[in-house]
Amino acid sequence: MSAIEMHATTDVGIKRNHNEDCVSITPEFGFAVLADGMGGHNAGEVASAMATEVTSRYLQDRLPKIPEAKLDEDTGFTSESILAREGITMANNAIFEASQQKVECAGMGTTVVAAVFYADRLTAAHVGDSRMYRLRGDLLSHVTEDHSLIQEQVRRGLLTADDARNSAIKNLVTRALGVEPDVEPDIVEDIVQAGDVYLMCSDGLTDVVPDEAIRLTLTQNDKDLRKAAAQLVQLANDAGGPDNISVILIRTQKYFHRKQGLFSKIFGR
């Protein structure tokens, strides 16, 4: 597994009175989870907390028991990808059941993005419009693609990224946890290089901060994840802070196997 540094932070923003985002990092097992909840009085907060807790617990219980990067012949994905998808599916089931049984949770849901690092690889599993980016050198690229109406229009060439950020329908997601009894997370597998910086974030950042500003912030602070995360949150708040802002930053260093021990450096929340 990659030796990595992780730092996570979440901020209520300027205009919200409570935080419906939730972040969780588990560096010793190489994974992180971020969720952005929605629906009902404080129910979004419940949904995002359930998403991170259930997914993280599932991964922590099962990752140490599998061979690293073993390919599943039926799906074509690695065993880590299968576990990430299963963890998110379990979270969806738990959130949906709670929304059906508790009046105060009716209609709640959440986005989720989970990342698992192993050997020289990364698995990103996601539902909704919370994102993952990769900074390699000076190049910032999207790892995930939003499940949203506006992203469909961008994909078809009907809107630019700038148009999308200013659209009135930018927050309408086409897929979320807990809304339906079944959900299909998208899985992305990537080859990791030493020195890569990965960003996981909620739309409280990306709705108001352009990709170029994110890139510049990360390149200028790539050796200080805590400072980079604080500056990204500040950029969002300087732009009005209309939503909760959550950021997880992960920097890879070198490689060794999961069962050899803990990562060499760990930065927590």
Protein backbone atom coordinates (compact mmCIF):
# COMPACT_ATOMS: atom_id res chain seq x y z
CA MET A 1 0.00 0.00 0.00
CA SER A 2 1.08 3.55 -0.57
CA ALA A 3 2.65 5.37 2.31
CA ILE A 4 0.38 8.36 2.47
CA GLU A 5 -0.48 11.50 4.36
CA MET A 6 -4.13 12.36 4.95
CA HIS A 7 -5.85 15.46 6.27
CA ALA A 8 -9.61 16.07 6.53
CA THR A 9 -11.61 19.15 7.44
CA THR A 10 -15.23 20.26 7.26
CA ASP A 11 -16.74 23.72 7.71
CA VAL A 12 -20.34 24.87 8.06
CA GLY A 13 -19.83 27.75 5.61
CA ILE A 14 -21.30 31.24 5.89
CA LYS A 15 -25.01 30.80 5.18
CA ARG A 16 -25.90 27.44 6.75
CA ASN A 17 -26.65 27.05 10.46
CA HIS A 18 -25.63 23.40 10.71
CA ASN A 19 -23.30 21.03 8.89
CA GLU A 20 -24.76 18.14 6.86
CA ASP A 21 -21.36 17.02 5.53
CA CYS A 22 -19.35 14.25 7.17
CA VAL A 23 -15.73 13.18 6.61
CA SER A 24 -13.75 10.18 7.82
CA ILE A 25 -10.13 9.15 7.25
CA THR A 26 -8.52 5.85 8.21
CA PRO A 27 -4.88 6.17 7.11
CA GLU A 28 -3.75 2.93 8.73
CA PHE A 29 -5.94 1.00 6.30
CA GLY A 30 -5.55 3.43 3.39
CA PHE A 31 -9.09 4.70 2.92
CA ALA A 32 -11.19 7.83 3.31
CA VAL A 33 -14.92 8.57 3.00
CA LEU A 34 -16.79 11.86 2.45
CA ALA A 35 -20.56 12.42 2.34
CA ASP A 36 -22.87 15.41 1.79
CA GLY A 37 -26.36 14.88 3.22
CA MET A 38 -29.73 16.28 2.19
CA GLY A 39 -33.38 16.26 3.21
CA GLY A 40 -35.51 17.00 6.26
CA HIS A 41 -34.75 18.82 9.50
CA ASN A 42 -31.21 17.67 10.30
CA ALA A 43 -31.90 14.42 8.43
CA GLY A 44 -29.15 15.16 5.92
CA GLU A 45 -26.72 15.18 8.81
CA VAL A 46 -28.01 11.75 9.84
CA ALA A 47 -27.68 10.36 6.31
CA SER A 48 -24.12 11.58 5.76
CA ALA A 49 -23.00 10.29 9.16
CA MET A 50 -24.53 6.88 8.40
CA ALA A 51 -22.85 6.79 4.98
CA THR A 52 -19.37 7.44 6.37
CA GLU A 53 -19.80 5.21 9.42
CA VAL A 54 -21.25 2.16 7.65
CA THR A 55 -18.86 2.36 4.70
CA SER A 56 -15.80 2.92 6.92
CA ARG A 57 -16.70 0.13 9.30
CA TYR A 58 -17.25 -2.30 6.43
CA LEU A 59 -13.89 -1.45 4.85
CA GLN A 60 -12.00 -1.56 8.15
CA ASP A 61 -13.43 -4.99 8.96
CA ARG A 62 -12.69 -6.57 5.57
CA LEU A 63 -9.67 -4.90 3.96
CA PRO A 64 -7.10 -6.61 6.24
CA LYS A 65 -8.52 -10.03 5.34
CA ILE A 66 -8.03 -9.91 1.56
CA PRO A 67 -4.96 -10.23 -0.71
CA GLU A 68 -4.02 -6.85 -2.13
CA ALA A 69 -5.12 -5.97 -5.66
CA LYS A 70 -6.56 -9.38 -6.49
CA LEU A 71 -8.59 -9.14 -9.71
CA ASP A 72 -12.15 -10.42 -9.64
CA GLU A 73 -12.64 -12.33 -12.89
CA ASP A 74 -16.43 -11.87 -12.92
CA THR A 75 -16.44 -8.08 -12.61
CA GLY A 76 -12.98 -7.09 -13.83
CA PHE A 77 -12.47 -5.01 -10.69
CA THR A 78 -9.97 -5.55 -7.88
CA SER A 79 -11.12 -6.99 -4.56
CA GLU A 80 -10.70 -3.51 -2.99
CA SER A 81 -13.12 -2.06 -5.54
CA ILE A 82 -15.64 -4.79 -4.80
CA LEU A 83 -15.41 -4.05 -1.07
CA ALA A 84 -15.86 -0.31 -1.63
CA ARG A 85 -18.97 -0.94 -3.70
CA GLU A 86 -20.34 -3.37 -1.13
CA GLY A 87 -19.73 -0.92 1.71
CA ILE A 88 -21.60 1.85 -0.09
CA THR A 89 -24.44 -0.54 -0.93
CA MET A 90 -24.74 -1.46 2.75
CA ALA A 91 -24.82 2.23 3.66
CA ASN A 92 -27.58 2.82 1.11
CA ASN A 93 -29.64 0.01 2.62
CA ALA A 94 -29.22 1.38 6.15
CA ILE A 95 -30.14 4.95 5.17
CA PHE A 96 -33.14 3.87 3.11
CA GLU A 97 -34.45 1.69 5.92
CA ALA A 98 -34.08 4.52 8.44
CA SER A 99 -35.90 6.94 6.11
CA GLN A 100 -38.80 4.51 5.85
CA GLN A 101 -39.06 3.82 9.58
CA LYS A 102 -38.52 7.28 11.10
CA VAL A 103 -40.82 10.16 10.23
CA GLU A 104 -38.13 12.75 10.95
CA CYS A 105 -35.81 11.02 8.45
CA ALA A 106 -38.31 10.68 5.60
CA GLY A 107 -36.77 11.69 2.27
CA MET A 108 -33.23 11.95 3.54
CA GLY A 109 -30.29 11.03 1.34
CA THR A 110 -26.62 11.74 0.81
CA THR A 111 -23.81 11.75 -1.69
CA VAL A 112 -20.74 9.67 -0.96
CA VAL A 113 -17.23 9.27 -2.29
CA ALA A 114 -14.93 6.60 -0.87
CA ALA A 115 -11.25 6.13 -1.79
CA VAL A 116 -9.12 3.06 -1.07
CA PHE A 117 -5.34 3.11 -1.64
CA TYR A 118 -3.44 -0.18 -2.00
CA ALA A 119 -0.14 -1.24 -3.57
CA ASP A 120 0.31 1.29 -6.41
CA ARG A 121 -3.42 1.66 -7.02
CA LEU A 122 -6.47 3.64 -6.03
CA THR A 123 -10.14 2.75 -6.08
CA ALA A 124 -12.69 5.57 -5.98
CA ALA A 125 -16.35 4.61 -5.51
CA HIS A 126 -18.96 7.35 -5.57
CA VAL A 127 -22.63 8.30 -5.76
CA GLY A 128 -23.83 11.87 -6.35
CA ASP A 129 -21.86 15.07 -6.93
CA SER A 130 -19.17 14.95 -4.26
CA ARG A 131 -15.90 14.70 -6.16
CA MET A 132 -12.38 13.37 -6.27
CA TYR A 133 -9.54 15.11 -8.11
CA ARG A 134 -5.91 14.16 -8.72
CA LEU A 135 -3.02 16.62 -8.84
CA ARG A 136 0.00 15.12 -10.60
CA GLY A 137 2.75 17.65 -11.08
CA ASP A 138 0.93 20.79 -12.22
CA LEU A 139 -2.00 18.95 -13.82
CA LEU A 140 -5.33 18.73 -12.00
CA SER A 141 -7.76 16.15 -13.36
CA HIS A 142 -11.13 14.74 -12.34
CA VAL A 143 -11.12 11.18 -10.99
CA THR A 144 -14.91 11.03 -10.61
CA GLU A 145 -17.74 12.42 -12.72
CA ASP A 146 -20.80 13.94 -11.04
CA HIS A 147 -24.15 12.19 -11.07
CA SER A 148 -26.13 15.36 -11.77
CA LEU A 149 -28.43 16.88 -14.36
CA ILE A 150 -25.96 19.67 -15.03
CA GLN A 151 -23.09 17.21 -15.63
CA GLU A 152 -25.22 15.45 -18.24
CA GLN A 153 -25.49 18.76 -20.09
CA VAL A 154 -21.74 19.38 -19.79
CA ARG A 155 -21.04 15.86 -21.08
CA ARG A 156 -23.22 16.51 -24.13
CA GLY A 157 -21.42 19.78 -24.85
CA LEU A 158 -24.49 21.90 -24.08
CA LEU A 159 -22.79 23.81 -21.26
CA THR A 160 -19.26 24.74 -20.23
CA ALA A 161 -17.89 24.06 -16.74
CA ASP A 162 -18.26 27.77 -15.92
CA ASP A 163 -21.88 27.73 -17.11
CA ALA A 164 -22.52 24.67 -14.95
CA ARG A 165 -21.13 26.32 -11.83
CA ASN A 166 -23.57 29.26 -12.29
CA SER A 167 -26.61 27.16 -13.22
CA ALA A 168 -29.78 27.22 -11.13
CA ILE A 169 -29.99 23.40 -11.34
CA LYS A 170 -26.38 22.65 -10.42
CA ASN A 171 -27.40 20.90 -7.17
CA LEU A 172 -29.90 18.46 -8.69
CA VAL A 173 -28.30 15.03 -8.43
CA THR A 174 -29.42 12.03 -10.47
CA ARG A 175 -28.15 9.46 -7.96
CA ALA A 176 -27.95 9.51 -4.15
CA LEU A 177 -27.71 7.11 -1.21
CA GLY A 178 -30.88 6.29 0.70
CA VAL A 179 -33.39 7.60 -1.82
CA GLU A 180 -34.13 4.24 -3.47
CA PRO A 181 -33.78 0.67 -2.15
CA ASP A 182 -30.97 0.04 -4.65
CA VAL A 183 -28.12 2.20 -5.90
CA GLU A 184 -25.16 1.56 -8.22
CA PRO A 185 -21.92 3.32 -7.24
CA ASP A 186 -19.53 4.19 -10.04
CA ILE A 187 -16.07 2.64 -9.65
CA VAL A 188 -12.86 4.26 -10.92
CA GLU A 189 -9.48 2.55 -10.61
CA ASP A 190 -6.28 4.57 -11.01
CA ILE A 191 -2.52 3.94 -10.95
CA VAL A 192 -0.91 6.00 -8.19
CA GLN A 193 2.49 7.68 -8.42
CA ALA A 194 4.59 8.91 -5.51
CA GLY A 195 3.91 12.61 -4.96
CA ASP A 196 0.33 12.57 -6.26
CA VAL A 197 -2.14 14.68 -4.29
CA TYR A 198 -5.78 13.57 -4.26
CA LEU A 199 -8.63 15.87 -3.26
CA MET A 200 -12.05 14.62 -2.12
CA CYS A 201 -14.62 17.37 -1.60
CA SER A 202 -18.28 18.27 -1.32
CA ASP A 203 -19.99 20.67 -3.73
CA GLY A 204 -19.72 23.42 -1.14
CA LEU A 205 -16.22 23.86 -2.56
CA THR A 206 -16.68 23.13 -6.25
CA ASP A 207 -19.91 25.11 -6.69
CA VAL A 208 -18.11 28.38 -5.94
CA VAL A 209 -14.38 27.74 -6.50
CA PRO A 210 -13.18 27.12 -10.08
CA ASP A 211 -10.91 24.15 -10.83
CA GLU A 212 -8.04 26.49 -11.70
CA ALA A 213 -8.17 28.13 -8.27
CA ILE A 214 -8.19 24.66 -6.69
CA ARG A 215 -5.19 23.66 -8.81
CA LEU A 216 -3.19 26.73 -7.86
CA THR A 217 -3.96 26.26 -4.16
CA LEU A 218 -2.84 22.63 -4.25
CA THR A 219 0.32 23.26 -6.27
CA GLN A 220 1.36 26.11 -3.98
CA ASN A 221 0.77 24.04 -0.83
CA ASP A 222 1.37 20.47 -1.96
CA LYS A 223 3.80 19.85 0.91
CA ASP A 224 1.40 21.14 3.58
CA LEU A 225 -1.99 19.41 3.35
CA ARG A 226 -3.37 21.15 6.42
CA LYS A 227 -2.62 24.58 5.00
CA ALA A 228 -3.95 23.62 1.56
CA ALA A 229 -7.23 22.38 3.04
CA ALA A 230 -7.64 25.55 5.14
CA GLN A 231 -7.05 27.74 2.09
CA LEU A 232 -9.59 25.80 0.00
CA VAL A 233 -12.21 26.27 2.72
CA GLN A 234 -11.32 29.97 2.92
CA LEU A 235 -11.72 30.36 -0.86
CA ALA A 236 -15.22 28.91 -0.64
CA ASN A 237 -16.16 31.15 2.26
CA ASP A 238 -14.69 34.19 0.51
CA ALA A 239 -17.01 33.34 -2.40
CA GLY A 240 -20.02 33.55 -0.09
CA GLY A 241 -19.86 30.17 1.66
CA PRO A 242 -23.41 29.23 0.58
CA ASP A 243 -23.04 25.59 1.60
CA ASN A 244 -21.10 23.32 3.93
CA ILE A 245 -17.51 22.77 2.75
CA SER A 246 -15.65 19.50 3.22
CA VAL A 247 -12.15 18.61 2.05
CA ILE A 248 -10.00 15.50 2.33
CA LEU A 249 -6.44 15.73 0.99
CA ILE A 250 -4.24 12.68 0.44
CA ARG A 251 -0.59 12.68 -0.70
CA THR A 252 1.16 9.48 -1.72
CA GLN A 253 4.84 8.89 -0.95
CA LYS A 254 6.07 5.34 -1.48
CA TYR A 255 4.73 1.82 -1.61
CA PHE A 256 4.45 -1.14 0.71
CA HIS A 257 1.84 -3.75 1.48
CA ARG A 258 -1.08 -3.18 3.82
CA LYS A 259 -0.13 -6.01 6.19
CA GLN A 260 3.38 -4.65 6.80
CA GLY A 261 2.10 -2.02 9.18
CA LEU A 262 0.94 1.54 9.53
CA PHE A 263 1.69 4.36 7.13
CA SER A 264 4.86 6.27 7.80
CA LYS A 265 3.16 9.63 8.30
CA ILE A 266 -0.40 10.32 9.33
CA PHE A 267 -2.20 13.63 9.48
CA GLY A 268 -5.73 13.52 10.92
CA ARG A 269 -8.51 15.97 11.39
